[in-house]
Amino acid sequence: MNHFEGKSWEFYTLISLVFLTISIISRKYLFNLKCNFNDVLFFYSLFLILFYSLFLIYFYNKEKSNLFKDKKNKNTILFFTFIASFSVGFTMIIKTKAYELVSNMSYVDALMEPSKIILLYLFSVLVFGTIFKPIILLGILLALSGIIIILKYQEI
């Protein structure tokens, strides 16, 4: 299977990785220049709102015939997308503060990403009923070991 033909989750993950990395490096660069946290957060949020507004206009015009057809799940969609959006917005603020405070920006994601993977895996097994694979426990232990090593030997 060609993982880069545009139909695989790996392809979209790698593209996302590039853009998220650019975002993180840009914010950390500003903090290294001693730019004010509130200014960075304000303009970061402003440009996100502008970008998302433009995207919504484009998306609505392109997909308006396919939108709002799921009347049965409307309240569920509204509730969970509100929770998801609020969580991402709140996380953006908190993570931006973490990037300001940390000496090496990779430490933030070194702690967050393995922890997130573990939580998502456990949630997938316990709530969504995906198959539990015991070998995954080894990966979880390695991830936890990596987090402990990074936290113990981080630059202060």
Protein backbone atom coordinates (compact mmCIF):
# COMPACT_ATOMS: atom_id res chain seq x y z
CA MET A 1 0.00 0.00 0.00
CA ASN A 2 1.30 3.43 -0.94
CA HIS A 3 1.00 5.47 2.24
CA PHE A 4 1.55 8.77 0.44
CA GLU A 5 -1.19 8.65 -2.17
CA GLY A 6 -3.38 10.95 -0.10
CA LYS A 7 -5.76 8.33 1.28
CA SER A 8 -3.83 7.15 4.33
CA TRP A 9 -3.89 8.48 7.87
CA GLU A 10 -0.08 8.43 7.85
CA PHE A 11 0.04 10.96 5.01
CA TYR A 12 -2.27 13.39 6.79
CA THR A 13 -0.40 12.90 10.07
CA LEU A 14 2.93 13.82 8.46
CA ILE A 15 1.46 16.91 6.79
CA SER A 16 -0.04 17.92 10.14
CA LEU A 17 3.35 17.33 11.78
CA VAL A 18 5.03 19.81 9.44
CA PHE A 19 2.51 22.58 10.11
CA LEU A 20 2.38 21.99 13.87
CA THR A 21 6.18 22.05 14.03
CA ILE A 22 6.26 25.38 12.16
CA SER A 23 3.69 26.76 14.62
CA ILE A 24 5.66 25.65 17.68
CA ILE A 25 9.01 26.88 16.38
CA SER A 26 7.49 30.25 15.46
CA ARG A 27 6.02 30.81 18.93
CA LYS A 28 9.19 29.66 20.71
CA TYR A 29 11.26 31.95 18.49
CA LEU A 30 9.15 34.90 19.62
CA PHE A 31 9.55 33.90 23.28
CA ASN A 32 13.32 33.58 22.81
CA LEU A 33 13.23 37.17 21.52
CA LYS A 34 11.56 38.06 24.84
CA CYS A 35 8.27 39.00 23.16
CA ASN A 36 5.38 39.52 25.56
CA PHE A 37 3.32 36.36 26.15
CA ASN A 38 0.00 38.23 25.94
CA ASP A 39 0.96 39.84 22.62
CA VAL A 40 1.99 36.50 21.14
CA LEU A 41 -1.16 34.79 22.38
CA PHE A 42 -3.39 37.63 21.16
CA PHE A 43 -2.00 37.68 17.62
CA TYR A 44 -1.77 33.90 17.44
CA SER A 45 -5.46 33.68 18.38
CA LEU A 46 -6.39 36.52 16.03
CA PHE A 47 -4.70 34.89 13.05
CA LEU A 48 -6.29 31.56 13.93
CA ILE A 49 -9.72 33.20 13.96
CA LEU A 50 -9.03 34.88 10.62
CA PHE A 51 -7.75 31.67 9.06
CA TYR A 52 -10.66 29.61 10.39
CA SER A 53 -13.16 32.25 9.23
CA LEU A 54 -11.76 32.11 5.70
CA PHE A 55 -11.74 28.33 5.81
CA LEU A 56 -15.37 28.26 7.01
CA ILE A 57 -16.46 30.52 4.16
CA TYR A 58 -14.65 28.32 1.64
CA PHE A 59 -15.87 25.09 3.22
CA TYR A 60 -19.48 26.26 3.45
CA ASN A 61 -19.53 27.40 -0.17
CA LYS A 62 -17.96 24.14 -1.34
CA GLU A 63 -20.01 21.75 0.82
CA LYS A 64 -23.29 23.58 1.57
CA SER A 65 -25.35 20.89 -0.17
CA ASN A 66 -23.82 18.26 2.17
CA LEU A 67 -24.12 20.19 5.44
CA PHE A 68 -26.73 19.92 8.19
CA LYS A 69 -28.36 16.79 6.82
CA ASP A 70 -27.86 14.67 9.94
CA LYS A 71 -30.91 15.91 11.85
CA LYS A 72 -31.00 12.85 14.11
CA ASN A 73 -27.53 13.51 15.58
CA LYS A 74 -27.60 17.32 15.52
CA ASN A 75 -27.54 17.80 19.31
CA THR A 76 -24.86 15.15 19.81
CA ILE A 77 -22.70 16.72 17.09
CA LEU A 78 -23.15 20.19 18.60
CA PHE A 79 -22.38 19.02 22.14
CA PHE A 80 -19.25 17.01 21.36
CA THR A 81 -17.84 19.46 18.80
CA PHE A 82 -18.30 22.23 21.38
CA ILE A 83 -16.35 20.18 23.94
CA ALA A 84 -13.66 19.35 21.37
CA SER A 85 -13.33 22.97 20.23
CA PHE A 86 -13.25 24.34 23.78
CA SER A 87 -10.59 21.76 24.71
CA VAL A 88 -8.39 22.67 21.75
CA GLY A 89 -8.75 26.39 22.43
CA PHE A 90 -7.93 25.99 26.11
CA THR A 91 -5.00 23.69 25.27
CA MET A 92 -3.64 26.25 22.81
CA ILE A 93 -3.40 28.83 25.59
CA ILE A 94 -1.83 26.45 28.10
CA LYS A 95 0.64 24.92 25.64
CA THR A 96 1.71 28.35 24.44
CA LYS A 97 2.51 29.23 28.07
CA ALA A 98 4.47 25.99 28.41
CA TYR A 99 6.53 26.89 25.30
CA GLU A 100 7.28 30.28 26.84
CA LEU A 101 8.52 28.74 30.10
CA VAL A 102 10.54 25.79 28.82
CA SER A 103 14.17 26.07 27.72
CA ASN A 104 13.88 23.36 25.06
CA MET A 105 10.54 23.39 23.24
CA SER A 106 10.72 19.65 22.54
CA TYR A 107 10.25 18.90 26.25
CA VAL A 108 6.63 20.06 26.13
CA ASP A 109 5.69 17.52 23.48
CA ALA A 110 8.04 14.87 24.88
CA LEU A 111 5.85 14.89 27.98
CA MET A 112 2.54 15.50 26.27
CA GLU A 113 2.55 13.25 23.22
CA PRO A 114 3.47 9.90 24.82
CA SER A 115 1.06 10.67 27.67
CA LYS A 116 -1.67 11.49 25.15
CA ILE A 117 -0.98 8.28 23.23
CA ILE A 118 -1.30 6.23 26.41
CA LEU A 119 -4.56 7.93 27.40
CA LEU A 120 -6.02 7.59 23.90
CA TYR A 121 -5.05 3.92 23.72
CA LEU A 122 -6.58 3.14 27.10
CA PHE A 123 -9.73 5.10 26.21
CA SER A 124 -9.97 3.28 22.86
CA VAL A 125 -9.79 -0.09 24.59
CA LEU A 126 -12.02 0.71 27.59
CA VAL A 127 -14.66 2.90 25.91
CA PHE A 128 -14.60 2.16 22.20
CA GLY A 129 -13.89 -1.55 22.58
CA THR A 130 -10.82 -1.81 20.36
CA ILE A 131 -8.82 -4.98 20.82
CA PHE A 132 -6.29 -4.90 23.65
CA LYS A 133 -2.87 -6.17 22.59
CA PRO A 134 -0.53 -7.09 25.46
CA ILE A 135 2.56 -6.10 23.43
CA ILE A 136 1.27 -2.52 23.58
CA LEU A 137 2.03 -2.59 27.32
CA LEU A 138 5.71 -2.78 26.39
CA GLY A 139 5.29 0.36 24.27
CA ILE A 140 3.49 2.10 27.14
CA LEU A 141 6.31 1.19 29.55
CA LEU A 142 8.92 2.44 27.08
CA ALA A 143 6.99 5.70 26.62
CA LEU A 144 6.75 6.18 30.38
CA SER A 145 10.47 5.43 30.72
CA GLY A 146 11.24 8.02 28.05
CA ILE A 147 9.14 10.63 29.83
CA ILE A 148 10.89 9.95 33.15
CA ILE A 149 14.35 10.20 31.53
CA ILE A 150 13.50 13.49 29.78
CA LEU A 151 12.02 15.03 32.91
CA LYS A 152 14.94 13.90 35.09
CA TYR A 153 17.66 15.20 32.75
CA GLN A 154 16.00 18.30 31.31
CA GLU A 155 17.89 21.56 31.19
CA ILE A 156 16.67 24.01 33.77
